[in-house]
């Protein structure tokens, strides 16, 4: 019985290592892929628009697509996991003088899982990142337009 538990434990450990390596792929400079300006997809809904931002880990790196977002107060930014394990964090140190920043999101772990962020920020430019992949270039900017 002890042999089976060790064998399965070894297989589970190998699987975790493989998944971790896939989630932390090498950045090849593609993190900037995405629109500069308005997000690629906007959908009508409620008081504002829903802006879709996809999170990836693939052969080109770890990135948000798009990583430059323009929104208005009342919009919803929907971060959608495509591949990997990611979160979204608007760090206070990287957004000096900005108030009302949301806490770091939970980790998105299942493809299709989403994190909806209501845009309640004052007009301005805001930095955000995926904490585990920030050093690999997984970061972006949100520009909130004045009304």
Protein backbone atom coordinates (compact mmCIF):
# COMPACT_ATOMS: atom_id res chain seq x y z
CA UNK A 1 0.00 0.00 0.00
CA UNK A 2 2.81 2.39 0.83
CA UNK A 3 4.34 1.82 -2.64
CA UNK A 4 1.12 2.97 -4.37
CA UNK A 5 0.88 6.16 -2.36
CA UNK A 6 4.50 7.03 -3.18
CA UNK A 7 4.02 6.23 -6.88
CA UNK A 8 0.87 8.36 -7.12
CA UNK A 9 2.50 11.11 -5.11
CA UNK A 10 5.42 11.14 -7.54
CA UNK A 11 3.07 11.29 -10.53
CA UNK A 12 1.11 14.14 -8.91
CA UNK A 13 4.32 16.04 -8.18
CA UNK A 14 5.53 15.59 -11.78
CA UNK A 15 2.19 16.87 -13.06
CA UNK A 16 2.36 19.94 -10.81
CA UNK A 17 5.89 20.72 -11.99
CA UNK A 18 4.85 20.38 -15.64
CA UNK A 19 1.83 22.64 -15.19
CA UNK A 20 3.91 25.19 -13.31
CA UNK A 21 6.51 25.26 -16.07
CA UNK A 22 3.82 25.75 -18.71
CA UNK A 23 2.30 28.62 -16.73
CA UNK A 24 5.67 30.37 -16.47
CA UNK A 25 6.70 30.25 -20.11
CA UNK A 26 9.46 32.44 -21.48
CA UNK A 27 8.51 35.98 -22.54
CA UNK A 28 9.44 36.73 -26.13
CA UNK A 29 8.24 40.29 -26.23
CA UNK A 30 4.69 39.52 -27.30
CA UNK A 31 3.24 40.86 -24.05
CA UNK A 32 2.50 44.05 -25.89
CA UNK A 33 0.14 42.34 -28.29
CA UNK A 34 -3.16 44.04 -28.11
CA UNK A 35 -4.79 47.24 -29.12
CA UNK A 36 -3.46 50.58 -28.08
CA UNK A 37 -6.55 52.58 -27.31
CA UNK A 38 -9.92 50.91 -26.97
CA UNK A 39 -10.09 47.23 -26.14
CA UNK A 40 -10.61 44.75 -28.95
CA UNK A 41 -14.06 43.67 -27.81
CA UNK A 42 -16.80 45.82 -26.32
CA UNK A 43 -20.25 44.47 -25.57
CA UNK A 44 -23.33 46.42 -24.58
CA UNK A 45 -24.53 45.74 -21.08
CA UNK A 46 -26.02 47.64 -18.16
CA UNK A 47 -24.90 51.22 -17.73
CA UNK A 48 -21.59 50.87 -19.56
CA UNK A 49 -19.67 48.52 -21.79
CA UNK A 50 -18.02 45.22 -20.98
CA UNK A 51 -14.41 45.22 -22.13
CA UNK A 52 -12.90 41.76 -22.55
CA UNK A 53 -9.23 41.30 -21.62
CA UNK A 54 -7.80 37.81 -22.07
CA UNK A 55 -4.96 36.35 -19.97
CA UNK A 56 -2.53 33.95 -21.63
CA UNK A 57 0.51 31.77 -21.02
CA UNK A 58 1.63 30.27 -24.31
CA UNK A 59 4.67 29.81 -26.52
CA UNK A 60 4.97 33.59 -26.99
CA UNK A 61 4.95 34.37 -23.26
CA UNK A 62 2.62 35.52 -20.50
CA UNK A 63 0.41 38.47 -21.42
CA UNK A 64 -2.88 40.31 -21.27
CA UNK A 65 -4.61 40.84 -24.62
CA UNK A 66 -5.06 43.74 -25.00
CA UNK A 67 -2.67 45.17 -22.44
CA UNK A 68 -3.62 48.81 -23.14
CA UNK A 69 -7.24 49.47 -22.21
CA UNK A 70 -9.33 52.62 -22.46
CA UNK A 71 -12.55 52.71 -20.46
CA UNK A 72 -15.10 55.08 -18.99
CA UNK A 73 -16.65 55.16 -15.55
CA UNK A 74 -19.44 52.57 -15.47
CA UNK A 75 -17.72 50.13 -17.83
CA UNK A 76 -16.82 46.62 -16.69
CA UNK A 77 -13.45 45.13 -17.52
CA UNK A 78 -13.80 41.36 -17.73
CA UNK A 79 -10.45 39.62 -17.33
CA UNK A 80 -10.90 36.14 -18.86
CA UNK A 81 -8.43 33.31 -18.36
CA UNK A 82 -7.50 31.62 -21.62
CA UNK A 83 -4.37 29.64 -20.66
CA UNK A 84 -2.26 29.47 -17.49
CA UNK A 85 -2.85 30.69 -13.95
CA UNK A 86 -3.07 34.47 -13.52
CA UNK A 87 -4.38 37.27 -11.33
CA UNK A 88 -4.91 41.00 -11.76
CA UNK A 89 -3.36 43.49 -9.34
CA UNK A 90 -3.43 47.30 -9.37
CA UNK A 91 -0.47 47.87 -7.04
CA UNK A 92 -0.61 51.02 -4.89
CA UNK A 93 3.17 51.52 -5.24
CA UNK A 94 2.85 51.52 -9.03
CA UNK A 95 -0.14 53.88 -8.96
CA UNK A 96 1.09 56.71 -6.70
CA UNK A 97 -1.53 59.20 -5.59
CA UNK A 98 -4.39 57.00 -6.84
CA UNK A 99 -7.14 56.01 -4.42
CA UNK A 100 -9.88 53.39 -4.51
CA UNK A 101 -7.70 50.72 -6.10
CA UNK A 102 -9.17 47.21 -5.88
CA UNK A 103 -7.32 44.49 -3.98
CA UNK A 104 -5.49 41.84 -5.97
CA UNK A 105 -7.90 39.42 -7.59
CA UNK A 106 -7.97 35.74 -6.74
CA UNK A 107 -5.97 33.52 -9.04
CA UNK A 108 -7.85 32.54 -12.18
CA UNK A 109 -7.08 28.85 -12.63
CA UNK A 110 -9.66 27.33 -14.98
CA UNK A 111 -9.93 28.31 -18.67
CA UNK A 112 -12.91 30.60 -19.12
CA UNK A 113 -12.87 31.77 -15.49
CA UNK A 114 -13.39 35.53 -15.22
CA UNK A 115 -12.72 38.46 -12.90
CA UNK A 116 -15.09 41.41 -13.46
CA UNK A 117 -13.73 44.80 -12.50
CA UNK A 118 -16.20 47.70 -12.40
CA UNK A 119 -14.53 50.91 -13.55
CA UNK A 120 -15.06 53.24 -10.60
CA UNK A 121 -11.67 54.94 -10.85
CA UNK A 122 -11.15 58.67 -11.31
CA UNK A 123 -9.98 59.68 -14.79
CA UNK A 124 -6.30 58.87 -15.29
CA UNK A 125 -3.85 56.12 -16.20
CA UNK A 126 -3.48 53.02 -14.01
CA UNK A 127 -0.88 50.25 -14.00
CA UNK A 128 -1.84 46.61 -13.41
CA UNK A 129 -0.03 43.29 -13.50
CA UNK A 130 -0.26 39.55 -12.99
CA UNK A 131 1.73 39.06 -9.79
CA UNK A 132 3.36 35.70 -10.65
CA UNK A 133 4.31 36.86 -14.17
CA UNK A 134 5.07 40.58 -13.79
CA UNK A 135 8.82 40.02 -14.19
CA UNK A 136 8.04 38.12 -17.40
CA UNK A 137 6.26 41.18 -18.80
CA UNK A 138 2.64 40.43 -17.91
CA UNK A 139 1.46 43.95 -17.20
CA UNK A 140 -0.78 46.57 -18.67
CA UNK A 141 -2.36 50.00 -18.37
CA UNK A 142 -5.90 51.15 -17.95
CA UNK A 143 -6.75 54.66 -19.07
CA UNK A 144 -10.02 55.96 -17.61
CA UNK A 145 -11.48 58.77 -19.70
CA UNK A 146 -13.13 61.75 -18.07
CA UNK A 147 -16.84 62.21 -18.65
